[in-house]
């Protein structure tokens, strides 16, 4: 059971192209060299349609992702790669509907070409960890979908984009990310997709790259006002890190604590349950309520 590959050559010399894997594999780490040659490419359709892969880690040596190389690998949850990829071909991550996180290691601070290419290749919700030279950044991009309506009288087909995801994707350029526009899109996503809205708000607050104070207050206000939805969502994912963040920032209103404690207890999440109870004991009765302590800002303030 092993990787399959071909030896190829270009103007830079001989290299290895990965063509697939024989047998079953859930965790796959591609080596940077095989038989003394650098692994430069993941071939066309190399892993498409597989039903076993959950994690794939690509080395910095990879320069090319062939068309449809991971297409329709619906079990894939995590993908790690770097900005060393120069050629990204159509369909590489299309229909990878199970993707929970994509990590991109950046060696250049202002080269987001691979991020933009991946965003244009998958309309589903995508969450990225961007490991930048000066620190990490997490960004979530909501889903969107195309719709077509036929106008028989005019003999025309009208195309429209639905969902906030396309607008969010437009904030990423080849050499920069427009964080101001990204933050302004929030007023739309809260009506389109609450799961994406929760992730976006938490991502921006926990990794506040170019985050204006006004935008931060809007995200805080949203998470506090919707804590009854936010906490069960995070508890279902067993996301202790983000629950701790909300508690540290005093963003959980006291009226939401009993239900959250119940859910954590029934889910046998002992550590999170203890954190919620400690928070409740520390602040309950001492303040009028954490929600009252926050100024409620309008989304129009962005």
C-alpha atoms as a PDB file:
ATOM      1  CA  UNK A   1       0.000   0.000   0.000  1.00  0.00           C
ATOM      2  CA  UNK A   2       1.804   3.158  -1.144  1.00  0.00           C
ATOM      3  CA  UNK A   3       1.829   6.321  -3.175  1.00  0.00           C
ATOM      4  CA  UNK A   4       1.938   5.960  -6.925  1.00  0.00           C
ATOM      5  CA  UNK A   5       3.972   8.419  -8.951  1.00  0.00           C
ATOM      6  CA  UNK A   6       5.644   9.215 -12.245  1.00  0.00           C
ATOM      7  CA  UNK A   7       9.046  10.680 -13.015  1.00  0.00           C
ATOM      8  CA  UNK A   8       8.805  13.758 -15.193  1.00  0.00           C
ATOM      9  CA  UNK A   9      11.041  16.539 -16.388  1.00  0.00           C
ATOM     10  CA  UNK A  10      10.672  20.235 -17.146  1.00  0.00           C
ATOM     11  CA  UNK A  11      13.047  23.128 -17.745  1.00  0.00           C
ATOM     12  CA  UNK A  12      14.121  22.982 -14.106  1.00  0.00           C
ATOM     13  CA  UNK A  13      15.047  19.319 -14.335  1.00  0.00           C
ATOM     14  CA  UNK A  14      13.556  15.964 -13.306  1.00  0.00           C
ATOM     15  CA  UNK A  15      10.845  15.771 -10.657  1.00  0.00           C
ATOM     16  CA  UNK A  16       8.117  13.520  -9.233  1.00  0.00           C
ATOM     17  CA  UNK A  17       4.399  13.818  -9.893  1.00  0.00           C
ATOM     18  CA  UNK A  18       2.070  12.023  -7.471  1.00  0.00           C
ATOM     19  CA  UNK A  19      -0.615  10.070  -9.330  1.00  0.00           C
ATOM     20  CA  UNK A  20      -2.514   8.385  -6.484  1.00  0.00           C
ATOM     21  CA  UNK A  21      -2.393   5.927  -3.629  1.00  0.00           C
ATOM     22  CA  UNK A  22      -2.880   2.153  -3.687  1.00  0.00           C
ATOM     23  CA  UNK A  23      -5.000   0.920  -0.822  1.00  0.00           C
ATOM     24  CA  UNK A  24      -6.867   2.676   1.977  1.00  0.00           C
ATOM     25  CA  UNK A  25      -5.514   5.755   3.734  1.00  0.00           C
ATOM     26  CA  UNK A  26      -7.108   8.340   6.031  1.00  0.00           C
ATOM     27  CA  UNK A  27      -4.064  10.453   6.952  1.00  0.00           C
ATOM     28  CA  UNK A  28      -1.769  11.197   4.025  1.00  0.00           C
ATOM     29  CA  UNK A  29       1.478  13.142   4.270  1.00  0.00           C
ATOM     30  CA  UNK A  30       3.137  13.622   0.900  1.00  0.00           C
ATOM     31  CA  UNK A  31       6.973  13.501   1.134  1.00  0.00           C
ATOM     32  CA  UNK A  32       9.090  16.300  -0.295  1.00  0.00           C
ATOM     33  CA  UNK A  33      11.343  13.796  -2.113  1.00  0.00           C
ATOM     34  CA  UNK A  34      10.987  10.356  -3.671  1.00  0.00           C
ATOM     35  CA  UNK A  35      14.000   8.459  -4.980  1.00  0.00           C
ATOM     36  CA  UNK A  36      16.109  11.559  -4.580  1.00  0.00           C
ATOM     37  CA  UNK A  37      13.865  13.722  -6.754  1.00  0.00           C
ATOM     38  CA  UNK A  38      11.675  16.604  -5.512  1.00  0.00           C
ATOM     39  CA  UNK A  39       7.917  16.077  -5.427  1.00  0.00           C
ATOM     40  CA  UNK A  40       6.680  18.998  -7.533  1.00  0.00           C
ATOM     41  CA  UNK A  41       3.178  18.076  -8.628  1.00  0.00           C
ATOM     42  CA  UNK A  42      -0.068  16.365  -7.661  1.00  0.00           C
ATOM     43  CA  UNK A  43      -1.361  14.898 -10.897  1.00  0.00           C
ATOM     44  CA  UNK A  44      -4.747  15.272 -12.552  1.00  0.00           C
ATOM     45  CA  UNK A  45      -7.482  13.235 -10.821  1.00  0.00           C
ATOM     46  CA  UNK A  46      -4.844  11.758  -8.473  1.00  0.00           C
ATOM     47  CA  UNK A  47      -7.209  11.418  -5.501  1.00  0.00           C
ATOM     48  CA  UNK A  48     -10.608  12.283  -6.918  1.00  0.00           C
ATOM     49  CA  UNK A  49     -13.666  10.524  -5.567  1.00  0.00           C
ATOM     50  CA  UNK A  50     -11.877   8.744  -2.711  1.00  0.00           C
ATOM     51  CA  UNK A  51     -13.972   7.804   0.305  1.00  0.00           C
ATOM     52  CA  UNK A  52     -11.210   7.252   2.858  1.00  0.00           C
ATOM     53  CA  UNK A  53      -9.058  10.383   2.953  1.00  0.00           C
ATOM     54  CA  UNK A  54      -9.590  12.702   5.924  1.00  0.00           C
ATOM     55  CA  UNK A  55      -6.334  14.658   6.104  1.00  0.00           C
ATOM     56  CA  UNK A  56      -3.794  15.582   3.448  1.00  0.00           C
ATOM     57  CA  UNK A  57      -0.516  17.390   4.111  1.00  0.00           C
ATOM     58  CA  UNK A  58       1.460  18.720   1.150  1.00  0.00           C
ATOM     59  CA  UNK A  59       5.145  19.739   1.409  1.00  0.00           C
ATOM     60  CA  UNK A  60       6.598  23.082   0.340  1.00  0.00           C
ATOM     61  CA  UNK A  61       8.204  21.338  -2.619  1.00  0.00           C
ATOM     62  CA  UNK A  62       4.841  21.001  -4.417  1.00  0.00           C
ATOM     63  CA  UNK A  63       4.463  23.628  -7.143  1.00  0.00           C
ATOM     64  CA  UNK A  64       1.391  22.394  -8.986  1.00  0.00           C
ATOM     65  CA  UNK A  65      -2.047  21.001  -8.146  1.00  0.00           C
ATOM     66  CA  UNK A  66      -3.428  19.259 -11.217  1.00  0.00           C
ATOM     67  CA  UNK A  67      -7.013  19.658 -12.331  1.00  0.00           C
ATOM     68  CA  UNK A  68      -9.516  17.716 -10.206  1.00  0.00           C
ATOM     69  CA  UNK A  69      -6.704  16.204  -8.104  1.00  0.00           C
ATOM     70  CA  UNK A  70      -8.900  16.076  -4.951  1.00  0.00           C
ATOM     71  CA  UNK A  71     -12.236  16.453  -6.696  1.00  0.00           C
ATOM     72  CA  UNK A  72     -15.276  14.964  -4.941  1.00  0.00           C
ATOM     73  CA  UNK A  73     -13.231  13.630  -2.009  1.00  0.00           C
ATOM     74  CA  UNK A  74     -16.146  14.263   0.326  1.00  0.00           C
ATOM     75  CA  UNK A  75     -14.509  12.680   3.378  1.00  0.00           C
ATOM     76  CA  UNK A  76     -11.616  15.158   3.275  1.00  0.00           C
ATOM     77  CA  UNK A  77     -11.767  17.365   6.378  1.00  0.00           C
ATOM     78  CA  UNK A  78      -8.328  18.966   6.582  1.00  0.00           C
ATOM     79  CA  UNK A  79      -5.868  20.097   3.934  1.00  0.00           C
ATOM     80  CA  UNK A  80      -2.445  21.607   4.601  1.00  0.00           C
ATOM     81  CA  UNK A  81      -0.339  23.264   1.897  1.00  0.00           C
ATOM     82  CA  UNK A  82       1.769  26.382   1.301  1.00  0.00           C
ATOM     83  CA  UNK A  83       2.060  29.402  -0.952  1.00  0.00           C
ATOM     84  CA  UNK A  84       4.800  27.607  -2.887  1.00  0.00           C
ATOM     85  CA  UNK A  85       2.066  26.351  -5.238  1.00  0.00           C
ATOM     86  CA  UNK A  86       2.364  28.337  -8.457  1.00  0.00           C
ATOM     87  CA  UNK A  87      -0.067  26.451 -10.695  1.00  0.00           C
ATOM     88  CA  UNK A  88      -3.536  25.702  -9.379  1.00  0.00           C
ATOM     89  CA  UNK A  89      -5.788  24.000 -11.905  1.00  0.00           C
ATOM     90  CA  UNK A  90      -9.546  24.010 -12.063  1.00  0.00           C
ATOM     91  CA  UNK A  91     -11.496  21.615  -9.861  1.00  0.00           C
ATOM     92  CA  UNK A  92      -8.694  20.709  -7.446  1.00  0.00           C
ATOM     93  CA  UNK A  93     -10.944  20.971  -4.341  1.00  0.00           C
ATOM     94  CA  UNK A  94     -14.340  21.181  -6.012  1.00  0.00           C
ATOM     95  CA  UNK A  95     -17.056  19.102  -4.346  1.00  0.00           C
ATOM     96  CA  UNK A  96     -14.876  18.560  -1.279  1.00  0.00           C
ATOM     97  CA  UNK A  97     -17.956  19.209   0.821  1.00  0.00           C
ATOM     98  CA  UNK A  98     -16.508  17.883   4.094  1.00  0.00           C
ATOM     99  CA  UNK A  99     -13.614  20.345   4.314  1.00  0.00           C
ATOM    100  CA  UNK A 100     -13.498  21.858   7.804  1.00  0.00           C
ATOM    101  CA  UNK A 101     -10.192  23.673   7.596  1.00  0.00           C
ATOM    102  CA  UNK A 102      -7.491  24.518   5.088  1.00  0.00           C
ATOM    103  CA  UNK A 103      -4.101  25.577   6.408  1.00  0.00           C
ATOM    104  CA  UNK A 104      -1.846  27.627   4.162  1.00  0.00           C
ATOM    105  CA  UNK A 105       1.729  28.366   5.238  1.00  0.00           C
ATOM    106  CA  UNK A 106       2.888  31.639   3.753  1.00  0.00           C
ATOM    107  CA  UNK A 107       6.530  32.459   3.085  1.00  0.00           C
ATOM    108  CA  UNK A 108       5.595  35.763   1.418  1.00  0.00           C
ATOM    109  CA  UNK A 109       3.469  38.266   3.339  1.00  0.00           C
ATOM    110  CA  UNK A 110       1.674  39.691   0.297  1.00  0.00           C
ATOM    111  CA  UNK A 111       1.056  36.735  -1.983  1.00  0.00           C
ATOM    112  CA  UNK A 112      -2.477  35.403  -1.648  1.00  0.00           C
ATOM    113  CA  UNK A 113      -2.719  33.800  -5.090  1.00  0.00           C
ATOM    114  CA  UNK A 114      -3.290  30.279  -3.767  1.00  0.00           C
ATOM    115  CA  UNK A 115      -5.988  31.510  -1.364  1.00  0.00           C
ATOM    116  CA  UNK A 116      -7.823  33.326  -4.163  1.00  0.00           C
ATOM    117  CA  UNK A 117      -7.594  30.301  -6.469  1.00  0.00           C
ATOM    118  CA  UNK A 118      -9.041  27.959  -3.857  1.00  0.00           C
ATOM    119  CA  UNK A 119     -11.860  30.354  -3.020  1.00  0.00           C
ATOM    120  CA  UNK A 120     -12.802  30.481  -6.682  1.00  0.00           C
ATOM    121  CA  UNK A 121     -12.864  26.700  -6.924  1.00  0.00           C
ATOM    122  CA  UNK A 122     -15.356  25.852  -4.184  1.00  0.00           C
ATOM    123  CA  UNK A 123     -18.617  27.649  -3.427  1.00  0.00           C
ATOM    124  CA  UNK A 124     -19.181  25.881  -0.104  1.00  0.00           C
ATOM    125  CA  UNK A 125     -18.238  27.397   3.256  1.00  0.00           C
ATOM    126  CA  UNK A 126     -14.448  27.385   3.623  1.00  0.00           C
ATOM    127  CA  UNK A 127     -12.426  28.064   6.772  1.00  0.00           C
ATOM    128  CA  UNK A 128      -8.760  28.951   6.469  1.00  0.00           C
ATOM    129  CA  UNK A 129      -5.857  29.130   8.878  1.00  0.00           C
ATOM    130  CA  UNK A 130      -3.335  31.433   7.237  1.00  0.00           C
ATOM    131  CA  UNK A 131       0.082  30.957   8.838  1.00  0.00           C
ATOM    132  CA  UNK A 132       1.691  34.271   7.902  1.00  0.00           C
ATOM    133  CA  UNK A 133       5.313  35.253   8.571  1.00  0.00           C
ATOM    134  CA  UNK A 134       4.190  37.691  11.298  1.00  0.00           C
ATOM    135  CA  UNK A 135       1.473  35.553  12.919  1.00  0.00           C
ATOM    136  CA  UNK A 136      -1.594  33.420  12.274  1.00  0.00           C
ATOM    137  CA  UNK A 137      -4.883  34.590  10.823  1.00  0.00           C
ATOM    138  CA  UNK A 138      -8.198  32.725  10.592  1.00  0.00           C
ATOM    139  CA  UNK A 139     -10.807  33.654   8.017  1.00  0.00           C
ATOM    140  CA  UNK A 140     -14.143  32.064   7.175  1.00  0.00           C
ATOM    141  CA  UNK A 141     -15.835  32.430   3.789  1.00  0.00           C
ATOM    142  CA  UNK A 142     -19.582  31.664   3.663  1.00  0.00           C
ATOM    143  CA  UNK A 143     -21.176  29.569   0.911  1.00  0.00           C
ATOM    144  CA  UNK A 144     -22.984  30.873  -2.124  1.00  0.00           C
ATOM    145  CA  UNK A 145     -24.811  29.320  -5.033  1.00  0.00           C
ATOM    146  CA  UNK A 146     -25.781  30.172  -8.582  1.00  0.00           C
ATOM    147  CA  UNK A 147     -29.363  30.272  -9.739  1.00  0.00           C
ATOM    148  CA  UNK A 148     -30.788  30.587 -13.219  1.00  0.00           C
ATOM    149  CA  UNK A 149     -34.254  31.763 -14.190  1.00  0.00           C
ATOM    150  CA  UNK A 150     -35.606  31.438 -17.689  1.00  0.00           C
ATOM    151  CA  UNK A 151     -37.515  34.367 -19.170  1.00  0.00           C
ATOM    152  CA  UNK A 152     -39.451  32.636 -21.930  1.00  0.00           C
ATOM    153  CA  UNK A 153     -40.971  35.872 -23.222  1.00  0.00           C
ATOM    154  CA  UNK A 154     -37.558  37.501 -23.707  1.00  0.00           C
ATOM    155  CA  UNK A 155     -35.921  34.208 -24.616  1.00  0.00           C
ATOM    156  CA  UNK A 156     -33.222  34.885 -22.049  1.00  0.00           C
ATOM    157  CA  UNK A 157     -31.660  33.165 -19.057  1.00  0.00           C
ATOM    158  CA  UNK A 158     -31.076  35.381 -16.022  1.00  0.00           C
ATOM    159  CA  UNK A 159     -28.198  34.419 -13.742  1.00  0.00           C
ATOM    160  CA  UNK A 160     -27.964  35.447 -10.092  1.00  0.00           C
ATOM    161  CA  UNK A 161     -25.665  34.719  -7.159  1.00  0.00           C
ATOM    162  CA  UNK A 162     -27.295  33.892  -3.838  1.00  0.00           C
ATOM    163  CA  UNK A 163     -25.665  34.027  -0.430  1.00  0.00           C
ATOM    164  CA  UNK A 164     -22.953  36.264   1.006  1.00  0.00           C
ATOM    165  CA  UNK A 165     -20.102  33.966   0.036  1.00  0.00           C
ATOM    166  CA  UNK A 166     -19.340  35.544  -3.312  1.00  0.00           C
ATOM    167  CA  UNK A 167     -19.035  39.028  -1.795  1.00  0.00           C
ATOM    168  CA  UNK A 168     -16.642  37.711   0.835  1.00  0.00           C
ATOM    169  CA  UNK A 169     -14.515  36.022  -1.819  1.00  0.00           C
ATOM    170  CA  UNK A 170     -14.247  39.292  -3.716  1.00  0.00           C
ATOM    171  CA  UNK A 171     -12.323  40.735  -0.739  1.00  0.00           C
ATOM    172  CA  UNK A 172      -9.283  38.578  -1.566  1.00  0.00           C
ATOM    173  CA  UNK A 173      -6.918  39.818  -4.251  1.00  0.00           C
ATOM    174  CA  UNK A 174      -3.703  38.270  -5.496  1.00  0.00           C
ATOM    175  CA  UNK A 175      -1.549  40.599  -3.410  1.00  0.00           C
ATOM    176  CA  UNK A 176      -3.818  41.724  -0.580  1.00  0.00           C
ATOM    177  CA  UNK A 177      -6.978  41.180   1.462  1.00  0.00           C
ATOM    178  CA  UNK A 178      -9.512  43.996   1.792  1.00  0.00           C
ATOM    179  CA  UNK A 179     -10.364  43.579   5.485  1.00  0.00           C
ATOM    180  CA  UNK A 180     -12.571  46.670   5.600  1.00  0.00           C
ATOM    181  CA  UNK A 181     -14.905  45.295   2.929  1.00  0.00           C
ATOM    182  CA  UNK A 182     -14.727  41.840   4.521  1.00  0.00           C
ATOM    183  CA  UNK A 183     -16.009  43.302   7.791  1.00  0.00           C
ATOM    184  CA  UNK A 184     -18.739  45.294   6.053  1.00  0.00           C
ATOM    185  CA  UNK A 185     -20.124  42.096   4.490  1.00  0.00           C
ATOM    186  CA  UNK A 186     -21.147  40.928   7.969  1.00  0.00           C
ATOM    187  CA  UNK A 187     -24.439  42.819   7.809  1.00  0.00           C
ATOM    188  CA  UNK A 188     -25.525  40.381   5.100  1.00  0.00           C
ATOM    189  CA  UNK A 189     -24.179  37.065   6.326  1.00  0.00           C
ATOM    190  CA  UNK A 190     -26.069  37.226   9.631  1.00  0.00           C
ATOM    191  CA  UNK A 191     -29.264  36.767   7.626  1.00  0.00           C
ATOM    192  CA  UNK A 192     -27.845  34.193   5.216  1.00  0.00           C
ATOM    193  CA  UNK A 193     -25.955  31.734   7.402  1.00  0.00           C
ATOM    194  CA  UNK A 194     -25.722  31.912  11.202  1.00  0.00           C
ATOM    195  CA  UNK A 195     -22.981  29.266  11.389  1.00  0.00           C
ATOM    196  CA  UNK A 196     -20.750  31.288   9.080  1.00  0.00           C
ATOM    197  CA  UNK A 197     -21.623  34.468  10.984  1.00  0.00           C
ATOM    198  CA  UNK A 198     -20.516  32.919  14.282  1.00  0.00           C
ATOM    199  CA  UNK A 199     -17.234  31.701  12.818  1.00  0.00           C
ATOM    200  CA  UNK A 200     -16.545  35.019  11.081  1.00  0.00           C
ATOM    201  CA  UNK A 201     -17.169  37.051  14.229  1.00  0.00           C
ATOM    202  CA  UNK A 202     -15.003  34.801  16.381  1.00  0.00           C
ATOM    203  CA  UNK A 203     -12.242  34.586  13.758  1.00  0.00           C
ATOM    204  CA  UNK A 204     -11.980  38.356  13.501  1.00  0.00           C
ATOM    205  CA  UNK A 205     -12.014  38.931  17.259  1.00  0.00           C
ATOM    206  CA  UNK A 206      -9.505  36.192  18.040  1.00  0.00           C
ATOM    207  CA  UNK A 207      -7.180  37.115  15.155  1.00  0.00           C
ATOM    208  CA  UNK A 208      -7.755  40.890  14.867  1.00  0.00           C
ATOM    209  CA  UNK A 209      -5.574  41.715  11.868  1.00  0.00           C
ATOM    210  CA  UNK A 210      -6.540  45.206  10.660  1.00  0.00           C
ATOM    211  CA  UNK A 211      -9.718  45.041  12.757  1.00  0.00           C
ATOM    212  CA  UNK A 212     -11.168  48.523  13.481  1.00  0.00           C
ATOM    213  CA  UNK A 213     -12.661  49.133  16.924  1.00  0.00           C
ATOM    214  CA  UNK A 214     -16.118  49.736  15.450  1.00  0.00           C
ATOM    215  CA  UNK A 215     -16.097  46.397  13.649  1.00  0.00           C
ATOM    216  CA  UNK A 216     -14.889  44.640  16.797  1.00  0.00           C
ATOM    217  CA  UNK A 217     -17.789  46.088  18.777  1.00  0.00           C
ATOM    218  CA  UNK A 218     -20.274  44.939  16.143  1.00  0.00           C
ATOM    219  CA  UNK A 219     -18.893  41.386  16.289  1.00  0.00           C
ATOM    220  CA  UNK A 220     -18.975  41.447  20.104  1.00  0.00           C
ATOM    221  CA  UNK A 221     -22.537  42.742  20.116  1.00  0.00           C
ATOM    222  CA  UNK A 222     -23.693  40.059  17.685  1.00  0.00           C
ATOM    223  CA  UNK A 223     -22.111  37.197  19.659  1.00  0.00           C
ATOM    224  CA  UNK A 224     -23.525  38.492  22.937  1.00  0.00           C
ATOM    225  CA  UNK A 225     -27.044  39.077  21.610  1.00  0.00           C
ATOM    226  CA  UNK A 226     -27.140  35.630  19.986  1.00  0.00           C
ATOM    227  CA  UNK A 227     -25.381  33.731  22.780  1.00  0.00           C
ATOM    228  CA  UNK A 228     -28.366  31.390  23.016  1.00  0.00           C
ATOM    229  CA  UNK A 229     -27.493  30.207  19.516  1.00  0.00           C
ATOM    230  CA  UNK A 230     -23.708  30.605  19.731  1.00  0.00           C
ATOM    231  CA  UNK A 231     -23.095  28.449  22.809  1.00  0.00           C
ATOM    232  CA  UNK A 232     -25.030  25.345  21.633  1.00  0.00           C
ATOM    233  CA  UNK A 233     -23.262  25.643  18.262  1.00  0.00           C
ATOM    234  CA  UNK A 234     -19.827  25.692  19.913  1.00  0.00           C
ATOM    235  CA  UNK A 235     -20.767  22.975  22.406  1.00  0.00           C
ATOM    236  CA  UNK A 236     -21.870  20.703  19.588  1.00  0.00           C
ATOM    237  CA  UNK A 237     -18.417  21.128  18.026  1.00  0.00           C
ATOM    238  CA  UNK A 238     -16.756  20.742  21.445  1.00  0.00           C
ATOM    239  CA  UNK A 239     -14.929  23.977  20.730  1.00  0.00           C
ATOM    240  CA  UNK A 240     -13.510  24.721  24.154  1.00  0.00           C
ATOM    241  CA  UNK A 241     -11.033  27.296  22.836  1.00  0.00           C
ATOM    242  CA  UNK A 242     -13.746  29.596  21.543  1.00  0.00           C
ATOM    243  CA  UNK A 243     -15.976  29.126  24.565  1.00  0.00           C
ATOM    244  CA  UNK A 244     -13.038  30.144  26.779  1.00  0.00           C
ATOM    245  CA  UNK A 245     -12.563  33.220  24.607  1.00  0.00           C
ATOM    246  CA  UNK A 246     -16.199  34.269  25.073  1.00  0.00           C
ATOM    247  CA  UNK A 247     -15.968  33.728  28.815  1.00  0.00           C
ATOM    248  CA  UNK A 248     -12.687  35.634  29.096  1.00  0.00           C
ATOM    249  CA  UNK A 249     -14.278  38.566  27.268  1.00  0.00           C
ATOM    250  CA  UNK A 250     -17.398  38.384  29.501  1.00  0.00           C
ATOM    251  CA  UNK A 251     -19.577  37.975  26.429  1.00  0.00           C
ATOM    252  CA  UNK A 252     -21.945  35.303  27.771  1.00  0.00           C
ATOM    253  CA  UNK A 253     -25.127  36.726  29.360  1.00  0.00           C
ATOM    254  CA  UNK A 254     -26.130  35.088  32.625  1.00  0.00           C
ATOM    255  CA  UNK A 255     -29.548  34.000  31.299  1.00  0.00           C
ATOM    256  CA  UNK A 256     -27.833  31.711  28.766  1.00  0.00           C
ATOM    257  CA  UNK A 257     -25.634  29.922  31.287  1.00  0.00           C
ATOM    258  CA  UNK A 258     -28.068  27.342  32.766  1.00  0.00           C
ATOM    259  CA  UNK A 259     -28.914  25.895  29.344  1.00  0.00           C
ATOM    260  CA  UNK A 260     -25.262  25.883  28.297  1.00  0.00           C
ATOM    261  CA  UNK A 261     -24.288  24.065  31.506  1.00  0.00           C
ATOM    262  CA  UNK A 262     -27.034  21.518  30.892  1.00  0.00           C
ATOM    263  CA  UNK A 263     -25.885  20.841  27.315  1.00  0.00           C
ATOM    264  CA  UNK A 264     -22.247  20.534  28.383  1.00  0.00           C
ATOM    265  CA  UNK A 265     -23.181  18.207  31.226  1.00  0.00           C
ATOM    266  CA  UNK A 266     -25.347  15.956  29.059  1.00  0.00           C
ATOM    267  CA  UNK A 267     -22.577  15.886  26.456  1.00  0.00           C
ATOM    268  CA  UNK A 268     -20.079  14.827  29.134  1.00  0.00           C
ATOM    269  CA  UNK A 269     -17.901  17.851  28.396  1.00  0.00           C
ATOM    270  CA  UNK A 270     -16.659  18.076  31.959  1.00  0.00           C
ATOM    271  CA  UNK A 271     -13.963  20.704  31.417  1.00  0.00           C
ATOM    272  CA  UNK A 272     -16.252  23.075  29.532  1.00  0.00           C
ATOM    273  CA  UNK A 273     -19.018  22.489  32.070  1.00  0.00           C
ATOM    274  CA  UNK A 274     -16.625  23.454  34.872  1.00  0.00           C
ATOM    275  CA  UNK A 275     -15.601  26.624  33.023  1.00  0.00           C
ATOM    276  CA  UNK A 276     -19.231  27.669  32.546  1.00  0.00           C
ATOM    277  CA  UNK A 277     -20.063  27.041  36.197  1.00  0.00           C
ATOM    278  CA  UNK A 278     -16.984  28.934  37.377  1.00  0.00           C
ATOM    279  CA  UNK A 279     -17.984  31.861  35.183  1.00  0.00           C
ATOM    280  CA  UNK A 280     -21.527  31.716  36.514  1.00  0.00           C
ATOM    281  CA  UNK A 281     -20.328  31.666  40.118  1.00  0.00           C
ATOM    282  CA  UNK A 282     -17.892  34.500  39.539  1.00  0.00           C
ATOM    283  CA  UNK A 283     -20.219  36.956  37.786  1.00  0.00           C
ATOM    284  CA  UNK A 284     -23.797  35.958  38.544  1.00  0.00           C
ATOM    285  CA  UNK A 285     -25.320  38.480  40.910  1.00  0.00           C
ATOM    286  CA  UNK A 286     -22.266  40.703  40.798  1.00  0.00           C
ATOM    287  CA  UNK A 287     -23.275  42.569  37.650  1.00  0.00           C
ATOM    288  CA  UNK A 288     -26.582  43.422  36.102  1.00  0.00           C
ATOM    289  CA  UNK A 289     -25.663  41.054  33.265  1.00  0.00           C
ATOM    290  CA  UNK A 290     -22.805  40.881  30.853  1.00  0.00           C
ATOM    291  CA  UNK A 291     -25.003  41.765  27.894  1.00  0.00           C
ATOM    292  CA  UNK A 292     -25.868  45.069  29.593  1.00  0.00           C
ATOM    293  CA  UNK A 293     -22.184  45.831  30.030  1.00  0.00           C
ATOM    294  CA  UNK A 294     -21.655  45.934  26.268  1.00  0.00           C
ATOM    295  CA  UNK A 295     -22.787  48.822  24.133  1.00  0.00           C
ATOM    296  CA  UNK A 296     -25.057  47.464  21.432  1.00  0.00           C
ATOM    297  CA  UNK A 297     -23.811  48.829  18.115  1.00  0.00           C
ATOM    298  CA  UNK A 298     -25.662  48.913  14.868  1.00  0.00           C
ATOM    299  CA  UNK A 299     -24.319  47.056  11.850  1.00  0.00           C
ATOM    300  CA  UNK A 300     -24.564  50.394  10.041  1.00  0.00           C
ATOM    301  CA  UNK A 301     -21.614  51.569  12.169  1.00  0.00           C
ATOM    302  CA  UNK A 302     -19.226  49.478  10.056  1.00  0.00           C
END
